[in-house]
């Protein structure tokens, strides 16, 4: 048995008759038997971007030789996560006369996955979809769970649909070509699982983040598998984010405000979420839900992962609140936040002291000004 099969890990997202596997391991792009069973028709559109396609597109195409395959190569960057970009996918599908039995395959990071998934959710009212994530952030978070969508200049991910993939194939070898900044951005989402529901995993990460940063294959597989297991359990319990699933947005309300205010792509999503999680922890401490030692550990692990711990200096509290008001978690005019009750414990609530939120925003702004 070859080493690829030896190291293959398979998890299941349990959604009844729409359940699907997550394959995790090295060399999976060269295993056509993993993809083929999840492609019901004969037509496949592979969507990638200008950075990933030169590295991995040919290997994926070799796994699809028994299908009618077309490709769309998108520009790379969060700033292209728009309806205009989705329209280029629709055009390709229509030009090649793809029917309702076709499958869209997303080869790339979270932006490619979100755009391709949204195109799949809306082309002819829904066609099949496969995720082949090539960044750590996509492998541990955005490829799993069926959230798809695009940005609007006034708000991130405000246009989208829930559309589950037929499978997720996470080849850890693709992380060897990921730049260091993108790797750290992915680690932010890994840390998130420890913070919201898995204190034992957080303890493990405090010891092993240096190995993740050096791309140790064994530790990466473990971190990805544990993260995906956490997310799969949450998604199975609350597919459409009516309750528990919203906890996966720890740090995202703060982070999305940074991304939108600075311009999409200036801060990587994971960088903004990393800072946002630290801000959520700071507010949780001010509310008396965390102690100083826990907050110190959260800041230390953020720094260890080489993530920013400061907000953009030009964003004061007023600007933050303006952008945070454009958030999917606003209900009846009240901004709900994901906050921490401890490391490994979290809640989503609108029952918090708004003055304490202002204190957190002011404190981060003051610190950013003095850098």
Protein backbone atom coordinates (compact mmCIF):
# COMPACT_ATOMS: atom_id res chain seq x y z
CA UNK A 1 0.00 0.00 0.00
CA UNK A 2 1.43 3.39 -0.95
CA UNK A 3 2.09 6.17 1.55
CA UNK A 4 -0.79 8.30 0.27
CA UNK A 5 -3.36 5.68 1.22
CA UNK A 6 -1.53 5.00 4.48
CA UNK A 7 -1.86 8.64 5.52
CA UNK A 8 -5.39 9.23 4.18
CA UNK A 9 -7.86 10.43 6.80
CA UNK A 10 -11.57 10.49 6.03
CA UNK A 11 -14.24 12.35 7.98
CA UNK A 12 -17.95 12.64 7.23
CA UNK A 13 -20.16 15.71 7.45
CA UNK A 14 -23.39 14.07 8.59
CA UNK A 15 -26.32 15.68 6.80
CA UNK A 16 -28.48 12.66 6.12
CA UNK A 17 -28.82 11.97 2.41
CA UNK A 18 -26.60 14.99 1.68
CA UNK A 19 -23.70 13.75 3.82
CA UNK A 20 -20.26 13.92 2.25
CA UNK A 21 -16.67 12.94 2.99
CA UNK A 22 -13.65 15.10 3.74
CA UNK A 23 -10.44 13.47 2.53
CA UNK A 24 -7.24 14.68 4.22
CA UNK A 25 -3.68 13.62 3.41
CA UNK A 26 -0.64 14.08 1.20
CA UNK A 27 -0.66 13.37 -2.55
CA UNK A 28 -4.44 13.19 -2.87
CA UNK A 29 -4.49 15.20 -6.11
CA UNK A 30 -3.00 12.13 -7.80
CA UNK A 31 -5.76 9.78 -6.59
CA UNK A 32 -8.52 9.88 -9.24
CA UNK A 33 -10.49 7.19 -7.42
CA UNK A 34 -11.26 9.73 -4.69
CA UNK A 35 -12.93 12.26 -7.00
CA UNK A 36 -14.68 10.14 -9.62
CA UNK A 37 -17.39 8.62 -7.37
CA UNK A 38 -18.59 12.10 -6.45
CA UNK A 39 -19.12 13.30 -10.05
CA UNK A 40 -22.56 12.07 -11.16
CA UNK A 41 -22.58 13.48 -14.71
CA UNK A 42 -20.02 13.71 -17.48
CA UNK A 43 -19.40 17.49 -17.51
CA UNK A 44 -16.91 19.09 -15.12
CA UNK A 45 -15.90 22.76 -14.92
CA UNK A 46 -12.69 23.27 -12.95
CA UNK A 47 -12.42 26.78 -11.50
CA UNK A 48 -9.02 27.95 -10.24
CA UNK A 49 -6.98 31.16 -10.14
CA UNK A 50 -3.82 32.53 -11.70
CA UNK A 51 -1.67 31.53 -8.72
CA UNK A 52 -2.91 27.98 -8.11
CA UNK A 53 -3.59 26.82 -11.68
CA UNK A 54 0.08 26.75 -12.81
CA UNK A 55 0.92 24.64 -9.76
CA UNK A 56 -1.86 22.08 -9.58
CA UNK A 57 -4.33 22.27 -12.48
CA UNK A 58 -2.58 19.68 -14.66
CA UNK A 59 -2.57 17.14 -11.83
CA UNK A 60 -6.30 17.60 -11.28
CA UNK A 61 -7.03 17.32 -15.00
CA UNK A 62 -5.18 13.98 -15.12
CA UNK A 63 -7.63 12.70 -12.52
CA UNK A 64 -10.57 13.73 -14.71
CA UNK A 65 -9.64 12.22 -18.09
CA UNK A 66 -12.88 10.23 -18.30
CA UNK A 67 -15.00 13.41 -18.16
CA UNK A 68 -15.74 16.35 -20.43
CA UNK A 69 -13.66 19.01 -18.66
CA UNK A 70 -13.47 22.79 -19.17
CA UNK A 71 -11.57 25.31 -17.07
CA UNK A 72 -11.99 28.88 -15.85
CA UNK A 73 -8.97 30.71 -14.43
CA UNK A 74 -9.85 33.67 -12.21
CA UNK A 75 -7.65 36.53 -11.04
CA UNK A 76 -6.26 35.98 -7.54
CA UNK A 77 -7.42 38.03 -4.58
CA UNK A 78 -10.28 38.84 -2.22
CA UNK A 79 -11.01 41.97 -4.26
CA UNK A 80 -12.28 39.71 -7.08
CA UNK A 81 -14.84 37.95 -4.91
CA UNK A 82 -17.69 39.72 -6.68
CA UNK A 83 -20.80 39.08 -8.75
CA UNK A 84 -18.86 40.15 -11.85
CA UNK A 85 -16.44 37.27 -11.28
CA UNK A 86 -19.30 34.81 -10.77
CA UNK A 87 -20.69 35.96 -14.10
CA UNK A 88 -17.52 34.77 -15.87
CA UNK A 89 -18.26 31.28 -14.55
CA UNK A 90 -21.87 31.44 -15.73
CA UNK A 91 -20.65 32.51 -19.17
CA UNK A 92 -18.28 29.54 -19.43
CA UNK A 93 -21.01 27.13 -18.33
CA UNK A 94 -23.42 28.49 -20.92
CA UNK A 95 -20.87 28.69 -23.72
CA UNK A 96 -20.00 25.02 -23.23
CA UNK A 97 -23.67 24.07 -22.81
CA UNK A 98 -23.27 22.57 -19.37
CA UNK A 99 -26.50 20.99 -18.15
CA UNK A 100 -28.03 20.40 -14.72
CA UNK A 101 -26.02 17.21 -14.18
CA UNK A 102 -22.69 19.06 -14.36
CA UNK A 103 -20.19 19.43 -11.53
CA UNK A 104 -18.14 22.49 -10.62
CA UNK A 105 -14.79 21.78 -8.99
CA UNK A 106 -13.12 24.56 -6.99
CA UNK A 107 -9.31 24.32 -7.00
CA UNK A 108 -7.85 27.04 -4.80
CA UNK A 109 -8.28 28.90 -1.55
CA UNK A 110 -11.34 30.25 0.19
CA UNK A 111 -12.11 32.90 -2.42
CA UNK A 112 -12.18 30.36 -5.26
CA UNK A 113 -14.25 27.99 -3.16
CA UNK A 114 -16.79 30.61 -2.14
CA UNK A 115 -17.21 31.96 -5.69
CA UNK A 116 -17.41 28.53 -7.31
CA UNK A 117 -19.84 27.28 -4.69
CA UNK A 118 -22.10 30.28 -5.22
CA UNK A 119 -22.03 29.73 -8.99
CA UNK A 120 -22.94 26.07 -8.41
CA UNK A 121 -25.76 27.03 -6.04
CA UNK A 122 -27.32 29.37 -8.57
CA UNK A 123 -26.58 27.93 -12.03
CA UNK A 124 -29.82 26.35 -13.26
CA UNK A 125 -30.99 26.61 -9.61
CA UNK A 126 -28.27 24.35 -8.30
CA UNK A 127 -25.70 21.93 -9.70
CA UNK A 128 -23.07 19.64 -8.16
CA UNK A 129 -19.95 21.03 -6.50
CA UNK A 130 -16.61 19.68 -5.22
CA UNK A 131 -14.07 21.49 -3.05
CA UNK A 132 -10.32 20.96 -3.57
CA UNK A 133 -8.88 23.55 -1.15
CA UNK A 134 -5.20 24.50 -1.49
CA UNK A 135 -4.74 26.87 1.48
CA UNK A 136 -4.76 25.99 5.16
CA UNK A 137 -7.64 28.38 5.83
CA UNK A 138 -9.76 26.73 3.16
CA UNK A 139 -8.83 23.21 4.25
CA UNK A 140 -9.83 23.77 7.88
CA UNK A 141 -12.77 26.12 7.44
CA UNK A 142 -14.24 27.60 4.29
CA UNK A 143 -14.34 24.40 2.19
CA UNK A 144 -16.45 22.59 4.81
CA UNK A 145 -20.05 23.40 5.61
CA UNK A 146 -21.60 24.72 2.40
CA UNK A 147 -21.34 28.46 2.93
CA UNK A 148 -20.86 30.13 -0.44
CA UNK A 149 -21.01 33.74 -1.56
CA UNK A 150 -19.42 36.96 -2.65
CA UNK A 151 -18.66 40.36 -1.18
CA UNK A 152 -20.36 43.71 -1.71
CA UNK A 153 -18.48 47.01 -1.27
CA UNK A 154 -20.69 47.70 1.74
CA UNK A 155 -20.28 44.33 3.44
CA UNK A 156 -18.42 41.02 3.33
CA UNK A 157 -20.26 37.82 2.34
CA UNK A 158 -23.61 39.58 2.30
CA UNK A 159 -24.65 37.82 -0.93
CA UNK A 160 -24.60 34.04 -0.84
CA UNK A 161 -26.29 30.68 -0.40
CA UNK A 162 -25.92 27.46 1.55
CA UNK A 163 -24.84 24.78 -0.93
CA UNK A 164 -23.04 21.69 0.31
CA UNK A 165 -20.24 20.11 -1.73
CA UNK A 166 -20.30 16.45 -2.73
CA UNK A 167 -16.84 15.97 -1.22
CA UNK A 168 -13.84 17.92 0.06
CA UNK A 169 -10.35 16.81 -0.93
CA UNK A 170 -7.61 18.45 1.17
CA UNK A 171 -4.16 17.55 -0.18
CA UNK A 172 -1.73 18.73 2.50
CA UNK A 173 1.14 18.79 0.01
CA UNK A 174 -0.39 21.91 -1.56
CA UNK A 175 0.55 23.76 1.64
CA UNK A 176 4.23 23.46 0.70
CA UNK A 177 3.74 26.20 -1.93
CA UNK A 178 1.69 28.45 0.37
CA UNK A 179 3.49 31.62 1.43
CA UNK A 180 4.17 32.18 5.12
CA UNK A 181 1.60 34.95 5.48
CA UNK A 182 -1.18 32.78 4.06
CA UNK A 183 -0.13 29.90 6.29
CA UNK A 184 -0.42 32.07 9.41
CA UNK A 185 -3.80 33.31 8.20
CA UNK A 186 -4.99 29.71 8.09
CA UNK A 187 -3.70 29.01 11.59
CA UNK A 188 -6.06 31.73 12.87
CA UNK A 189 -9.03 29.56 11.94
CA UNK A 190 -7.36 26.52 13.54
CA UNK A 191 -6.94 28.45 16.81
CA UNK A 192 -10.61 29.42 16.60
CA UNK A 193 -11.76 25.82 17.13
CA UNK A 194 -9.69 25.57 20.30
CA UNK A 195 -11.14 28.80 21.61
CA UNK A 196 -14.82 28.15 20.94
CA UNK A 197 -15.20 24.46 21.85
CA UNK A 198 -11.98 22.43 22.18
CA UNK A 199 -9.76 23.50 25.08
CA UNK A 200 -7.61 20.37 24.76
CA UNK A 201 -6.84 21.29 21.15
CA UNK A 202 -5.93 24.83 22.24
CA UNK A 203 -3.44 23.33 24.71
CA UNK A 204 -1.98 21.21 21.91
CA UNK A 205 -1.67 24.24 19.63
CA UNK A 206 0.28 26.20 22.24
CA UNK A 207 2.94 23.49 21.97
CA UNK A 208 2.80 22.71 18.24
CA UNK A 209 2.22 25.94 16.31
CA UNK A 210 5.98 26.23 15.58
CA UNK A 211 5.77 22.83 13.83
CA UNK A 212 2.75 23.98 11.83
CA UNK A 213 4.69 27.05 10.72
CA UNK A 214 7.50 24.81 9.46
CA UNK A 215 4.88 22.68 7.64
CA UNK A 216 5.53 19.46 9.54
CA UNK A 217 3.36 16.98 7.56
CA UNK A 218 2.25 14.86 10.52
CA UNK A 219 1.26 17.84 12.68
CA UNK A 220 -0.52 19.54 9.77
CA UNK A 221 -2.63 16.45 9.10
CA UNK A 222 -3.54 16.26 12.79
CA UNK A 223 -4.45 19.97 13.01
CA UNK A 224 -6.52 19.85 9.82
CA UNK A 225 -8.32 16.66 10.83
CA UNK A 226 -9.14 17.95 14.32
CA UNK A 227 -10.32 21.30 12.94
CA UNK A 228 -12.50 19.64 10.32
CA UNK A 229 -13.92 17.25 12.91
CA UNK A 230 -14.93 20.23 15.05
CA UNK A 231 -16.51 22.00 12.13
CA UNK A 232 -18.27 18.89 10.82
CA UNK A 233 -19.90 18.34 14.23
CA UNK A 234 -21.13 21.93 14.37
CA UNK A 235 -22.44 21.92 10.79
CA UNK A 236 -24.23 18.59 11.32
CA UNK A 237 -26.00 20.08 14.35
CA UNK A 238 -26.88 23.43 12.75
CA UNK A 239 -26.44 23.48 8.98
CA UNK A 240 -28.02 26.89 8.32
CA UNK A 241 -26.64 28.81 11.27
CA UNK A 242 -29.85 29.17 13.25
CA UNK A 243 -27.96 28.71 16.51
CA UNK A 244 -24.76 26.87 17.43
CA UNK A 245 -23.06 27.29 14.04
CA UNK A 246 -22.80 31.04 14.56
CA UNK A 247 -20.12 30.30 17.17
CA UNK A 248 -17.80 29.56 14.23
CA UNK A 249 -17.84 33.31 13.60
CA UNK A 250 -15.68 34.12 16.64
CA UNK A 251 -13.69 37.23 15.72
CA UNK A 252 -15.40 37.57 12.35
CA UNK A 253 -17.57 40.60 13.11
CA UNK A 254 -14.49 42.57 14.14
CA UNK A 255 -12.45 41.01 11.34
CA UNK A 256 -14.98 41.67 8.60
CA UNK A 257 -15.06 45.32 9.68
CA UNK A 258 -11.28 45.52 9.20
CA UNK A 259 -11.44 43.84 5.78
CA UNK A 260 -14.27 46.03 4.48
CA UNK A 261 -12.90 49.29 5.87
CA UNK A 262 -9.35 48.72 4.59
CA UNK A 263 -10.44 47.35 1.21
CA UNK A 264 -10.76 43.64 0.48
CA UNK A 265 -7.38 41.98 0.12
CA UNK A 266 -5.32 44.52 2.11
CA UNK A 267 -5.66 42.34 5.20
CA UNK A 268 -5.97 38.60 4.63
CA UNK A 269 -9.18 37.14 6.03
CA UNK A 270 -7.31 35.03 8.58
CA UNK A 271 -5.24 38.00 9.72
CA UNK A 272 -8.37 40.05 10.34
CA UNK A 273 -10.04 37.13 12.14
CA UNK A 274 -6.94 36.61 14.31
CA UNK A 275 -7.05 40.21 15.48
CA UNK A 276 -10.84 39.99 15.77
CA UNK A 277 -10.63 36.97 18.06
CA UNK A 278 -8.22 38.87 20.30
CA UNK A 279 -10.67 41.79 20.39
CA UNK A 280 -13.52 39.43 21.29
CA UNK A 281 -11.36 37.99 24.07
CA UNK A 282 -10.56 41.47 25.36
CA UNK A 283 -14.26 42.35 25.48
CA UNK A 284 -15.00 39.04 27.20
CA UNK A 285 -12.44 39.90 29.88
CA UNK A 286 -13.96 43.36 30.37
CA UNK A 287 -17.34 41.67 30.86
CA UNK A 288 -15.80 39.41 33.51
CA UNK A 289 -16.13 36.21 31.46
CA UNK A 290 -12.38 35.65 30.99
CA UNK A 291 -9.57 36.18 33.46
CA UNK A 292 -6.30 37.98 32.78
CA UNK A 293 -4.32 34.74 32.44
CA UNK A 294 -6.65 33.42 29.74
CA UNK A 295 -6.44 36.68 27.80
CA UNK A 296 -2.65 36.57 28.06
CA UNK A 297 -2.62 33.03 26.63
CA UNK A 298 -4.84 34.08 23.73
CA UNK A 299 -2.61 37.04 22.89
CA UNK A 300 0.50 34.86 23.17
CA UNK A 301 -0.82 32.20 20.80
CA UNK A 302 -1.87 34.89 18.31
CA UNK A 303 1.67 36.29 18.34
CA UNK A 304 3.15 32.77 18.17
CA UNK A 305 1.19 32.17 14.97
CA UNK A 306 2.66 35.40 13.54
CA UNK A 307 -0.73 37.03 13.32
CA UNK A 308 -1.32 40.76 13.88
CA UNK A 309 -2.40 41.74 17.37
CA UNK A 310 -3.07 45.40 16.49
CA UNK A 311 -5.90 46.97 14.53
CA UNK A 312 -5.29 49.38 11.63
CA UNK A 313 -4.38 52.74 13.23
CA UNK A 314 -6.82 54.64 11.02
CA UNK A 315 -9.81 52.68 12.36
CA UNK A 316 -11.17 54.39 15.46
CA UNK A 317 -14.11 53.13 17.50
CA UNK A 318 -16.66 55.08 15.48
CA UNK A 319 -15.42 53.62 12.19
CA UNK A 320 -15.38 50.13 13.64
CA UNK A 321 -18.96 50.41 14.85
CA UNK A 322 -20.10 51.73 11.47
CA UNK A 323 -18.67 48.71 9.65
CA UNK A 324 -19.74 46.23 12.34
CA UNK A 325 -23.34 47.38 11.90
CA UNK A 326 -23.27 45.83 8.40
CA UNK A 327 -23.06 42.24 9.60
CA UNK A 328 -25.19 39.16 9.06
CA UNK A 329 -25.47 38.72 12.83
CA UNK A 330 -27.40 41.98 13.26
CA UNK A 331 -30.99 41.14 14.18
CA UNK A 332 -33.69 43.72 14.86
CA UNK A 333 -31.03 46.42 15.03
CA UNK A 334 -29.00 44.58 17.72
CA UNK A 335 -25.46 43.46 16.95
CA UNK A 336 -24.86 39.94 18.22
CA UNK A 337 -21.29 38.97 19.01
CA UNK A 338 -19.53 35.68 19.60
CA UNK A 339 -17.78 36.00 22.96
CA UNK A 340 -15.77 33.68 25.17
CA UNK A 341 -16.76 32.26 28.54
CA UNK A 342 -13.36 30.64 28.86
CA UNK A 343 -10.84 28.91 26.60
CA UNK A 344 -12.99 26.23 24.98
CA UNK A 345 -16.29 27.93 25.79
CA UNK A 346 -18.26 30.48 23.77
CA UNK A 347 -21.66 32.12 23.38
CA UNK A 348 -23.39 34.26 20.81
CA UNK A 349 -25.24 37.10 22.46
CA UNK A 350 -26.59 40.62 22.12
CA UNK A 351 -26.79 40.87 25.91
CA UNK A 352 -23.56 42.73 26.59
CA UNK A 353 -22.66 46.18 27.85
CA UNK A 354 -22.20 48.39 24.78
CA UNK A 355 -19.95 50.68 26.82
CA UNK A 356 -17.56 47.76 27.33
CA UNK A 357 -17.46 47.17 23.58
CA UNK A 358 -16.55 50.82 23.12
CA UNK A 359 -13.79 50.40 25.72
CA UNK A 360 -12.30 47.50 23.75
CA UNK A 361 -12.42 49.44 20.48
CA UNK A 362 -10.87 52.53 22.09
CA UNK A 363 -8.13 50.46 23.75
CA UNK A 364 -7.11 48.78 20.49
CA UNK A 365 -7.17 52.12 18.68
CA UNK A 366 -4.92 53.73 21.30
CA UNK A 367 -2.48 50.84 21.11
CA UNK A 368 -2.43 50.98 17.32
CA UNK A 369 -1.72 54.71 17.43
CA UNK A 370 1.36 54.18 19.60
CA UNK A 371 2.99 51.50 17.41
